[in-house]
Amino acid sequence: MNSTNEQEPAANPSLAIAILAFTGMTVSIMQTIVVPLLPHLPGILSASRESATWVLTVTLMVGAVFTPIAGRLGDMIGKRRMLMITTAMMVIGSLVCVLSSSLAPMLVGRALQGMSLGSISLGISLMRDIMPKERLGSAVALMSATLGIGGAIGLPISAIVAQHLSWHVLFAGSAAFGAIACLAVVLFIPESAVRSGGSFDILGAITFSGMLISLLFGLTKTADWGWGNWRVYACFVVAMLFGLMFSKVERRAPHPMVDIPVTLQPTVRYTNLASILVGFAMYTCNMAVTELLQAPKDTGYGFGTSMVVAGLCAAPMGFLMMVLSPAGAKLIKVRGARFAFRSGIAVIGVGFAIGVFMVNAAWELIIVAMFVGAGVALSYAAAPTLIMSAVPQTQTAAANSVNTLARSMGTSLAAAIHGSILASAFVVGGTSYGPLNPFQLCFLLAVIACAVAYTLGAFIPKEPREIVTTPVAEAVTN
């Protein structure tokens, strides 16, 4: 039985916002803590380079699969309850990694950590239910931005720890912060009274997981197999078949994991499609800027900085995202979520356009990262607002999970494409693609992605302010 009754907001909204944002930050930092370790993992784990990369890949893959599942379960049995479960999985996974010294247990731990990636979308949906309307816009903007903020500030922190302390400290810290977040949620965050009820769609979860695993596996193997290898396209075909089965199953299920008609609404559809490309652009910055800073000077375009310096140069991106999240909420209130979403995409595009032509000094790359951070802050603030204004309140967790998944799909696509381009970027004398070096080509692809995303944003219907009734819409238009 559905429950959509009004409930009292959180007793201390500021504390609730701080706890949920801290939880999201902790989870997003967890994703990136192994990035500085990637060159050293084969030696640490006594594994091949190809096998060691799965320490990062398995987290993203499990996260992509489990995020929509956690969202649906949150709508069914309680968003706070699922937030506690997903955060606890991160703590358990981190402890497994602390005790690991070989590849197999490390992969188990990182897979358990990946189950926590749904915490951000659960937190956004929980905010809709427990926040007072006047605080909702800024709260959602900050929570949504933690996905990028955590990644940006996690890189320098991880690099410093990895360089000066044992790598086990990274996972011990992840476990400690996760435990603090979980305990704070238990003690101070109220449960939402909004439930969708119904049963869990097991067949839908199986077909959905098959689709994502096939697609992501194919993308992650492009660097090893090459884009022309038949096995890559076989994975894509399998993903397409699972997708067709998933669509058929969901349309017949009495309580679908993903409501296809709702997902295909213009607002939801175009926001999710554009979010894939925004995720692509954001990961382009995280990947290309830090690698260009570390590329040897004898390539002709690298700056030869240390791992720590490269991470610190990326930190302003995360700082700007944190600072500008409230500004994003204000822009939504004044001009609407659609305008803020497209404005953010345009700012990201301008940043990468500068990067195509300005790659002669480290400070220029910091400028690029700051533009990207500012744009991501605006677009990430607006995306969940658009989604929640278009879906029933009993489906907010599932709908936000799909949007989070869309961003993750964009990062996976960026990792595959840019990984192939940058694989030959570190040779003496450098590599060129016509007049562009590999990093300029990555920036140009991000500009194209932003142009397509901006165009898709034009198809999002304008908010009918005179008839809006959803809490999020009221919060950003009153």
Protein backbone atom coordinates (compact mmCIF):
# COMPACT_ATOMS: atom_id res chain seq x y z
CA MET A 1 0.00 0.00 0.00
CA ASN A 2 1.37 3.38 -0.95
CA SER A 3 2.01 5.99 1.68
CA THR A 4 2.27 9.63 0.70
CA ASN A 5 1.21 11.26 3.93
CA GLU A 6 2.87 14.48 4.98
CA GLN A 7 5.37 14.11 7.80
CA GLU A 8 7.19 16.46 10.10
CA PRO A 9 10.53 17.67 8.73
CA ALA A 10 13.80 16.81 10.43
CA ALA A 11 14.11 18.36 13.89
CA ASN A 12 17.47 19.92 12.95
CA PRO A 13 17.60 20.47 9.16
CA SER A 14 21.16 21.86 9.20
CA LEU A 15 22.45 18.79 11.06
CA ALA A 16 20.55 16.47 8.71
CA ILE A 17 22.01 18.21 5.64
CA ALA A 18 25.52 18.03 7.10
CA ILE A 19 25.19 14.31 7.91
CA LEU A 20 23.75 13.34 4.54
CA ALA A 21 26.33 15.44 2.66
CA PHE A 22 29.12 13.94 4.76
CA THR A 23 27.82 10.47 3.90
CA GLY A 24 27.77 11.29 0.19
CA MET A 25 31.26 12.78 0.39
CA THR A 26 32.60 9.71 2.17
CA VAL A 27 31.14 7.39 -0.45
CA SER A 28 32.43 9.43 -3.41
CA ILE A 29 35.94 9.68 -1.91
CA MET A 30 35.90 5.90 -1.49
CA GLN A 31 35.56 5.55 -5.27
CA THR A 32 38.80 7.39 -5.98
CA ILE A 33 41.11 6.29 -3.15
CA VAL A 34 42.70 3.59 -5.30
CA VAL A 35 43.42 5.87 -8.28
CA PRO A 36 46.88 6.97 -7.00
CA LEU A 37 47.63 3.31 -6.27
CA LEU A 38 46.84 1.98 -9.76
CA PRO A 39 50.47 2.04 -11.08
CA HIS A 40 51.61 0.21 -7.92
CA LEU A 41 48.80 -2.34 -7.51
CA PRO A 42 50.42 -5.10 -9.62
CA GLY A 43 53.37 -5.14 -7.23
CA ILE A 44 51.26 -4.70 -4.09
CA LEU A 45 48.86 -7.53 -4.98
CA SER A 46 51.24 -9.75 -6.96
CA ALA A 47 48.92 -9.54 -9.96
CA SER A 48 49.14 -8.61 -13.62
CA ARG A 49 48.46 -5.03 -14.66
CA GLU A 50 45.23 -6.06 -16.41
CA SER A 51 43.97 -7.93 -13.34
CA ALA A 52 44.92 -5.11 -10.98
CA THR A 53 42.76 -2.58 -12.84
CA TRP A 54 39.71 -4.55 -11.68
CA VAL A 55 40.27 -3.11 -8.22
CA LEU A 56 38.77 0.09 -9.63
CA THR A 57 36.50 -1.48 -12.24
CA VAL A 58 34.67 -3.88 -9.91
CA THR A 59 33.60 -1.00 -7.64
CA LEU A 60 32.12 0.98 -10.51
CA MET A 61 30.44 -2.10 -11.98
CA VAL A 62 28.85 -3.28 -8.72
CA GLY A 63 27.84 0.30 -7.95
CA ALA A 64 26.13 0.70 -11.31
CA VAL A 65 24.19 -2.53 -10.82
CA PHE A 66 23.26 -2.03 -7.17
CA THR A 67 22.36 1.69 -7.23
CA PRO A 68 18.95 1.26 -8.95
CA ILE A 69 18.25 -1.82 -6.83
CA ALA A 70 18.97 0.13 -3.65
CA GLY A 71 16.75 2.96 -4.90
CA ARG A 72 13.81 0.64 -5.49
CA LEU A 73 14.27 -1.03 -2.09
CA GLY A 74 14.50 2.41 -0.50
CA ASP A 75 11.13 3.37 -1.96
CA MET A 76 9.70 0.07 -0.70
CA ILE A 77 11.09 -0.40 2.81
CA GLY A 78 12.49 3.00 3.76
CA LYS A 79 15.20 5.27 2.39
CA ARG A 80 16.95 5.73 5.75
CA ARG A 81 17.06 1.98 6.29
CA MET A 82 18.64 1.38 2.88
CA LEU A 83 21.06 4.27 3.43
CA MET A 84 22.22 2.57 6.63
CA ILE A 85 22.63 -0.76 4.82
CA THR A 86 24.60 0.69 1.88
CA THR A 87 26.88 2.68 4.18
CA ALA A 88 27.46 -0.42 6.32
CA MET A 89 28.50 -2.31 3.16
CA MET A 90 31.17 0.31 2.57
CA VAL A 91 32.50 -0.14 6.09
CA ILE A 92 32.60 -3.93 5.75
CA GLY A 93 34.24 -3.71 2.31
CA SER A 94 36.83 -1.24 3.61
CA LEU A 95 37.76 -3.57 6.47
CA VAL A 96 38.15 -6.47 4.04
CA CYS A 97 40.53 -4.31 1.99
CA VAL A 98 42.50 -3.35 5.11
CA LEU A 99 43.12 -7.06 5.77
CA SER A 100 43.92 -7.87 2.13
CA SER A 101 47.34 -8.52 0.67
CA SER A 102 46.33 -10.31 -2.55
CA LEU A 103 43.98 -9.68 -5.44
CA ALA A 104 40.99 -11.93 -4.61
CA PRO A 105 40.09 -10.51 -1.17
CA MET A 106 40.78 -6.99 -2.42
CA LEU A 107 38.22 -7.48 -5.21
CA VAL A 108 35.69 -8.79 -2.69
CA GLY A 109 36.21 -5.74 -0.50
CA ARG A 110 35.99 -3.31 -3.39
CA ALA A 111 32.80 -5.00 -4.62
CA LEU A 112 31.23 -4.54 -1.18
CA GLN A 113 32.33 -0.90 -1.25
CA GLY A 114 30.63 -0.53 -4.63
CA MET A 115 27.28 -1.40 -3.04
CA SER A 116 27.45 1.94 -1.21
CA LEU A 117 27.33 4.08 -4.37
CA GLY A 118 23.55 4.22 -4.14
CA SER A 119 23.86 6.24 -0.91
CA ILE A 120 23.94 9.57 -2.76
CA SER A 121 20.66 9.05 -4.62
CA LEU A 122 19.07 7.65 -1.44
CA GLY A 123 20.21 10.74 0.46
CA ILE A 124 18.75 13.08 -2.18
CA SER A 125 15.41 11.28 -2.06
CA LEU A 126 15.39 11.24 1.73
CA MET A 127 15.95 14.99 1.73
CA ARG A 128 12.79 15.46 -0.31
CA ASP A 129 10.81 13.70 2.41
CA ILE A 130 12.34 15.18 5.59
CA MET A 131 13.58 18.66 4.66
CA PRO A 132 11.47 21.80 5.13
CA LYS A 133 10.57 23.20 1.74
CA GLU A 134 12.62 26.37 2.15
CA ARG A 135 15.81 24.33 2.73
CA LEU A 136 15.24 21.64 0.14
CA GLY A 137 16.75 23.31 -2.92
CA SER A 138 20.16 24.03 -1.39
CA ALA A 139 20.21 20.65 0.41
CA VAL A 140 19.62 18.69 -2.79
CA ALA A 141 22.18 20.79 -4.66
CA LEU A 142 24.88 20.07 -2.07
CA MET A 143 24.06 16.36 -1.81
CA SER A 144 24.09 15.94 -5.58
CA ALA A 145 27.41 17.76 -5.89
CA THR A 146 29.13 15.44 -3.38
CA LEU A 147 29.53 12.92 -6.20
CA GLY A 148 31.98 15.27 -7.86
CA ILE A 149 33.33 17.05 -4.77
CA GLY A 150 34.44 13.83 -3.13
CA GLY A 151 36.22 12.66 -6.25
CA ALA A 152 38.04 15.96 -6.69
CA ILE A 153 39.27 16.32 -3.10
CA GLY A 154 39.83 12.58 -2.70
CA LEU A 155 42.60 12.52 -5.31
CA PRO A 156 45.09 14.76 -3.48
CA ILE A 157 44.28 13.26 -0.09
CA SER A 158 44.75 9.74 -1.43
CA ALA A 159 47.96 10.71 -3.21
CA ILE A 160 49.48 12.22 -0.06
CA VAL A 161 48.51 9.24 2.11
CA ALA A 162 49.67 6.71 -0.48
CA GLN A 163 53.02 8.47 -0.87
CA HIS A 164 53.85 8.89 2.82
CA LEU A 165 51.93 6.12 4.65
CA SER A 166 50.88 2.52 4.08
CA TRP A 167 48.17 2.04 1.46
CA HIS A 168 46.18 0.15 4.12
CA VAL A 169 45.64 3.52 5.84
CA LEU A 170 43.43 4.63 2.94
CA PHE A 171 40.97 1.81 3.56
CA ALA A 172 41.19 2.15 7.34
CA GLY A 173 40.20 5.80 6.92
CA SER A 174 37.37 4.83 4.60
CA ALA A 175 36.07 2.37 7.21
CA ALA A 176 36.32 4.94 10.01
CA PHE A 177 34.52 7.70 8.12
CA GLY A 178 31.90 5.24 6.88
CA ALA A 179 31.24 4.07 10.44
CA ILE A 180 30.86 7.69 11.60
CA ALA A 181 28.42 8.40 8.77
CA CYS A 182 26.40 5.27 9.47
CA LEU A 183 26.18 6.01 13.20
CA ALA A 184 25.16 9.62 12.53
CA VAL A 185 22.37 8.45 10.21
CA VAL A 186 21.14 6.04 12.89
CA LEU A 187 21.15 8.69 15.62
CA PHE A 188 20.01 11.86 13.89
CA ILE A 189 18.23 11.15 10.58
CA PRO A 190 14.50 10.33 10.75
CA GLU A 191 12.98 7.69 8.53
CA SER A 192 10.74 8.80 5.68
CA ALA A 193 7.06 7.96 5.98
CA VAL A 194 6.77 7.81 2.19
CA ARG A 195 6.71 4.21 0.93
CA SER A 196 5.70 2.76 -2.41
CA GLY A 197 4.92 -0.69 -1.05
CA GLY A 198 4.66 -3.66 -3.40
CA SER A 199 7.09 -6.51 -4.01
CA PHE A 200 10.63 -6.50 -5.35
CA ASP A 201 10.99 -7.21 -9.07
CA ILE A 202 13.56 -10.04 -9.03
CA LEU A 203 13.37 -10.82 -12.75
CA GLY A 204 13.74 -7.14 -13.55
CA ALA A 205 16.81 -6.91 -11.32
CA ILE A 206 18.38 -9.93 -13.05
CA THR A 207 17.83 -8.65 -16.58
CA PHE A 208 18.88 -5.12 -15.60
CA SER A 209 22.08 -6.45 -14.00
CA GLY A 210 22.83 -8.54 -17.09
CA MET A 211 22.43 -5.48 -19.30
CA LEU A 212 24.73 -3.29 -17.22
CA ILE A 213 27.39 -5.92 -16.58
CA SER A 214 27.61 -6.80 -20.29
CA LEU A 215 27.79 -3.16 -21.33
CA LEU A 216 30.31 -2.09 -18.67
CA PHE A 217 32.46 -5.18 -19.17
CA GLY A 218 32.68 -4.43 -22.88
CA LEU A 219 33.61 -0.81 -22.20
CA THR A 220 36.28 -1.68 -19.64
CA LYS A 221 37.90 -4.23 -21.96
CA THR A 222 38.31 -1.85 -24.90
CA ALA A 223 41.76 -0.79 -23.66
CA ASP A 224 42.95 -4.43 -23.71
CA TRP A 225 41.00 -5.82 -26.65
CA GLY A 226 40.73 -2.68 -28.79
CA TRP A 227 37.57 -1.05 -30.16
CA GLY A 228 37.68 -3.20 -33.28
CA ASN A 229 37.70 -6.54 -31.43
CA TRP A 230 34.61 -8.71 -32.00
CA ARG A 231 34.42 -9.54 -28.28
CA VAL A 232 33.70 -5.89 -27.44
CA TYR A 233 30.76 -5.80 -29.84
CA ALA A 234 29.58 -9.20 -28.61
CA CYS A 235 29.32 -7.70 -25.14
CA PHE A 236 27.32 -4.78 -26.54
CA VAL A 237 24.96 -7.15 -28.37
CA VAL A 238 24.41 -9.16 -25.19
CA ALA A 239 23.72 -5.91 -23.32
CA MET A 240 21.17 -4.91 -25.97
CA LEU A 241 19.39 -8.28 -25.69
CA PHE A 242 19.25 -8.02 -21.92
CA GLY A 243 17.94 -4.47 -22.33
CA LEU A 244 15.11 -5.63 -24.56
CA MET A 245 14.22 -8.36 -22.06
CA PHE A 246 14.38 -5.85 -19.21
CA SER A 247 12.01 -3.46 -20.99
CA LYS A 248 9.54 -6.27 -21.68
CA VAL A 249 9.70 -7.57 -18.11
CA GLU A 250 9.26 -4.13 -16.55
CA ARG A 251 6.21 -3.26 -18.64
CA ARG A 252 4.50 -6.41 -17.38
CA ALA A 253 5.65 -6.36 -13.76
CA PRO A 254 3.03 -5.25 -11.21
CA HIS A 255 5.75 -3.48 -9.18
CA PRO A 256 8.63 -2.76 -11.61
CA MET A 257 12.11 -1.91 -10.40
CA VAL A 258 12.16 0.93 -12.95
CA ASP A 259 8.87 2.41 -14.07
CA ILE A 260 9.44 2.58 -17.85
CA PRO A 261 6.59 5.04 -18.66
CA VAL A 262 7.81 7.42 -15.94
CA THR A 263 11.42 7.06 -17.11
CA LEU A 264 10.38 7.88 -20.66
CA GLN A 265 8.67 11.13 -19.69
CA PRO A 266 10.40 13.97 -21.57
CA THR A 267 11.79 15.62 -18.44
CA VAL A 268 13.23 12.39 -17.05
CA ARG A 269 14.36 11.01 -20.40
CA TYR A 270 16.28 14.04 -21.61
CA THR A 271 17.72 14.82 -18.18
CA ASN A 272 19.13 11.30 -17.93
CA LEU A 273 20.50 11.31 -21.47
CA ALA A 274 22.19 14.65 -20.90
CA SER A 275 23.49 13.43 -17.52
CA ILE A 276 25.38 10.63 -19.26
CA LEU A 277 27.30 13.25 -21.22
CA VAL A 278 27.83 15.46 -18.16
CA GLY A 279 29.32 12.45 -16.39
CA PHE A 280 31.52 11.88 -19.42
CA ALA A 281 32.75 15.48 -19.27
CA MET A 282 33.40 15.46 -15.53
CA TYR A 283 35.48 12.29 -15.70
CA THR A 284 37.38 13.74 -18.65
CA CYS A 285 38.62 16.44 -16.31
CA ASN A 286 39.47 14.03 -13.49
CA MET A 287 41.34 11.74 -15.86
CA ALA A 288 42.93 13.92 -18.54
CA VAL A 289 43.99 16.91 -16.43
CA THR A 290 45.75 14.84 -13.74
CA GLU A 291 47.45 12.59 -16.33
CA LEU A 292 48.59 15.56 -18.43
CA LEU A 293 50.15 17.13 -15.35
CA GLN A 294 52.06 13.88 -14.65
CA ALA A 295 53.04 13.16 -18.26
CA PRO A 296 56.84 13.41 -18.81
CA LYS A 297 58.15 16.66 -20.26
CA ASP A 298 59.90 14.78 -23.07
CA THR A 299 56.50 14.05 -24.62
CA GLY A 300 56.39 17.68 -25.68
CA TYR A 301 53.14 18.42 -23.88
CA GLY A 302 53.44 16.90 -20.37
CA PHE A 303 54.40 18.86 -17.26
CA GLY A 304 56.18 16.12 -15.32
CA THR A 305 54.65 16.94 -11.92
CA SER A 306 54.40 14.49 -9.04
CA MET A 307 51.29 12.50 -8.15
CA VAL A 308 50.63 14.77 -5.17
CA VAL A 309 51.00 18.01 -7.16
CA ALA A 310 48.65 16.69 -9.86
CA GLY A 311 46.08 15.83 -7.22
CA LEU A 312 46.38 19.25 -5.59
CA CYS A 313 45.83 20.95 -8.96
CA ALA A 314 42.51 19.10 -9.23
CA ALA A 315 41.41 20.20 -5.75
CA PRO A 316 40.07 23.66 -6.83
CA MET A 317 37.50 21.83 -8.95
CA GLY A 318 36.03 20.18 -5.86
CA PHE A 319 36.27 23.41 -3.85
CA LEU A 320 34.30 25.34 -6.47
CA MET A 321 31.66 22.63 -6.61
CA MET A 322 31.18 22.91 -2.85
CA VAL A 323 31.06 26.71 -2.86
CA LEU A 324 28.78 27.06 -5.87
CA SER A 325 26.21 24.40 -4.93
CA PRO A 326 24.12 26.96 -2.96
CA ALA A 327 24.41 29.34 -5.91
CA GLY A 328 23.03 26.59 -8.10
CA ALA A 329 20.01 26.29 -5.81
CA LYS A 330 19.44 30.05 -6.00
CA LEU A 331 19.70 30.01 -9.79
CA ILE A 332 17.13 27.21 -9.87
CA LYS A 333 14.82 29.29 -7.70
CA VAL A 334 15.16 32.38 -9.90
CA ARG A 335 15.33 30.91 -13.41
CA GLY A 336 14.23 27.28 -13.07
CA ALA A 337 16.04 23.94 -13.02
CA ARG A 338 16.09 23.58 -16.80
CA PHE A 339 17.95 26.89 -17.21
CA ALA A 340 20.44 26.01 -14.46
CA PHE A 341 21.05 22.56 -15.95
CA ARG A 342 21.84 23.92 -19.41
CA SER A 343 23.87 26.82 -18.00
CA GLY A 344 26.06 24.38 -16.10
CA ILE A 345 26.62 22.31 -19.24
CA ALA A 346 27.57 25.46 -21.17
CA VAL A 347 30.13 26.45 -18.51
CA ILE A 348 31.70 22.97 -18.66
CA GLY A 349 31.90 23.24 -22.44
CA VAL A 350 33.62 26.62 -22.24
CA GLY A 351 36.18 25.19 -19.82
CA PHE A 352 37.09 22.34 -22.13
CA ALA A 353 37.16 24.67 -25.15
CA ILE A 354 39.81 26.66 -23.30
CA GLY A 355 41.64 23.40 -22.66
CA VAL A 356 41.81 22.58 -26.35
CA PHE A 357 43.87 25.73 -26.96
CA MET A 358 45.44 26.47 -23.54
CA VAL A 359 47.64 23.58 -22.46
CA ASN A 360 50.97 25.37 -22.10
CA ALA A 361 51.15 25.81 -18.31
CA ALA A 362 49.84 24.09 -15.20
CA TRP A 363 47.86 27.16 -14.12
CA GLU A 364 45.90 27.00 -17.37
CA LEU A 365 44.84 23.47 -16.54
CA ILE A 366 43.71 24.65 -13.11
CA ILE A 367 41.52 27.23 -14.88
CA VAL A 368 40.03 24.45 -17.01
CA ALA A 369 39.32 22.37 -13.90
CA MET A 370 37.69 25.35 -12.17
CA PHE A 371 35.36 25.97 -15.12
CA VAL A 372 34.42 22.30 -15.12
CA GLY A 373 33.84 22.33 -11.36
CA ALA A 374 31.61 25.40 -11.60
CA GLY A 375 29.56 23.89 -14.42
CA VAL A 376 29.21 20.53 -12.74
CA ALA A 377 28.00 22.27 -9.56
CA LEU A 378 25.17 23.91 -11.50
CA SER A 379 24.18 20.90 -13.59
CA TYR A 380 24.41 18.42 -10.71
CA ALA A 381 22.25 20.71 -8.57
CA ALA A 382 19.59 20.92 -11.26
CA ALA A 383 19.42 17.30 -12.42
CA PRO A 384 17.78 15.76 -9.31
CA THR A 385 15.46 18.75 -9.05
CA LEU A 386 14.27 18.12 -12.61
CA ILE A 387 13.87 14.40 -11.91
CA MET A 388 11.95 14.84 -8.66
CA SER A 389 9.64 17.46 -10.13
CA ALA A 390 8.51 14.92 -12.75
CA VAL A 391 8.06 11.68 -10.78
CA PRO A 392 5.66 10.59 -8.01
CA GLN A 393 7.03 11.04 -4.50
CA THR A 394 6.86 7.28 -3.94
CA GLN A 395 9.37 6.74 -6.79
CA THR A 396 11.98 9.40 -6.01
CA ALA A 397 14.70 7.02 -4.79
CA ALA A 398 14.39 4.75 -7.82
CA ALA A 399 14.26 7.70 -10.23
CA ASN A 400 17.27 9.43 -8.66
CA SER A 401 19.14 6.14 -8.72
CA VAL A 402 18.64 5.90 -12.46
CA ASN A 403 19.97 9.45 -12.84
CA THR A 404 23.00 8.59 -10.72
CA LEU A 405 23.45 5.51 -12.90
CA ALA A 406 23.34 7.75 -16.00
CA ARG A 407 26.24 9.80 -14.66
CA SER A 408 28.15 6.61 -13.84
CA MET A 409 27.59 5.36 -17.38
CA GLY A 410 29.14 8.57 -18.63
CA THR A 411 32.22 8.11 -16.46
CA SER A 412 32.60 4.51 -17.66
CA LEU A 413 32.34 5.66 -21.27
CA ALA A 414 34.93 8.39 -20.65
CA ALA A 415 37.29 5.92 -19.00
CA ALA A 416 37.05 3.57 -21.99
CA ILE A 417 37.43 6.20 -24.71
CA HIS A 418 40.08 8.32 -23.02
CA GLY A 419 41.93 5.24 -21.81
CA SER A 420 42.35 4.16 -25.43
CA ILE A 421 43.48 7.63 -26.51
CA LEU A 422 45.92 8.16 -23.64
CA ALA A 423 47.42 4.67 -23.80
CA SER A 424 50.07 5.99 -26.20
CA ALA A 425 50.34 9.49 -24.76
CA PHE A 426 53.41 8.93 -22.60
CA VAL A 427 55.97 7.94 -25.26
CA VAL A 428 59.07 10.04 -25.82
CA GLY A 429 58.34 12.67 -28.46
CA GLY A 430 54.61 12.41 -27.82
CA THR A 431 51.73 11.32 -29.99
CA SER A 432 49.51 13.43 -32.22
CA TYR A 433 46.07 13.17 -33.76
CA GLY A 434 46.36 15.61 -36.62
CA PRO A 435 46.97 19.05 -35.08
CA LEU A 436 45.94 17.85 -31.60
CA ASN A 437 47.87 15.98 -28.95
CA PRO A 438 46.03 13.17 -27.10
CA PHE A 439 44.92 15.42 -24.25
CA GLN A 440 43.59 18.10 -26.57
CA LEU A 441 41.62 15.39 -28.35
CA CYS A 442 40.09 14.31 -25.02
CA PHE A 443 39.16 17.92 -24.30
CA LEU A 444 37.61 18.29 -27.75
CA LEU A 445 35.50 15.16 -27.22
CA ALA A 446 34.28 16.68 -23.94
CA VAL A 447 33.32 19.88 -25.79
CA ILE A 448 31.29 17.80 -28.27
CA ALA A 449 29.65 15.90 -25.39
CA CYS A 450 28.66 19.19 -23.78
CA ALA A 451 27.25 20.50 -27.06
CA VAL A 452 25.07 17.39 -27.44
CA ALA A 453 24.01 17.55 -23.77
CA TYR A 454 23.10 21.24 -24.12
CA THR A 455 20.97 20.39 -27.15
CA LEU A 456 19.24 17.55 -25.29
CA GLY A 457 18.51 19.97 -22.46
CA ALA A 458 16.49 22.09 -24.88
CA PHE A 459 13.97 19.24 -25.13
CA ILE A 460 13.33 19.25 -21.38
CA PRO A 461 9.93 20.91 -20.90
CA LYS A 462 9.98 24.25 -19.12
CA GLU A 463 8.63 24.12 -15.59
CA PRO A 464 4.95 25.17 -15.51
CA ARG A 465 5.41 27.28 -12.41
CA GLU A 466 1.79 28.26 -12.09
CA ILE A 467 0.65 24.64 -11.62
CA VAL A 468 3.58 22.91 -9.90
CA THR A 469 2.65 20.97 -6.79
CA THR A 470 5.65 18.80 -5.99
CA PRO A 471 7.70 19.75 -2.91
CA VAL A 472 10.90 20.21 -4.88
CA ALA A 473 9.25 22.46 -7.43
CA GLU A 474 7.67 24.51 -4.66
CA ALA A 475 11.00 24.79 -2.88
CA VAL A 476 12.77 26.21 -5.90
CA THR A 477 10.01 28.47 -7.18
CA ASN A 478 8.51 29.99 -4.02
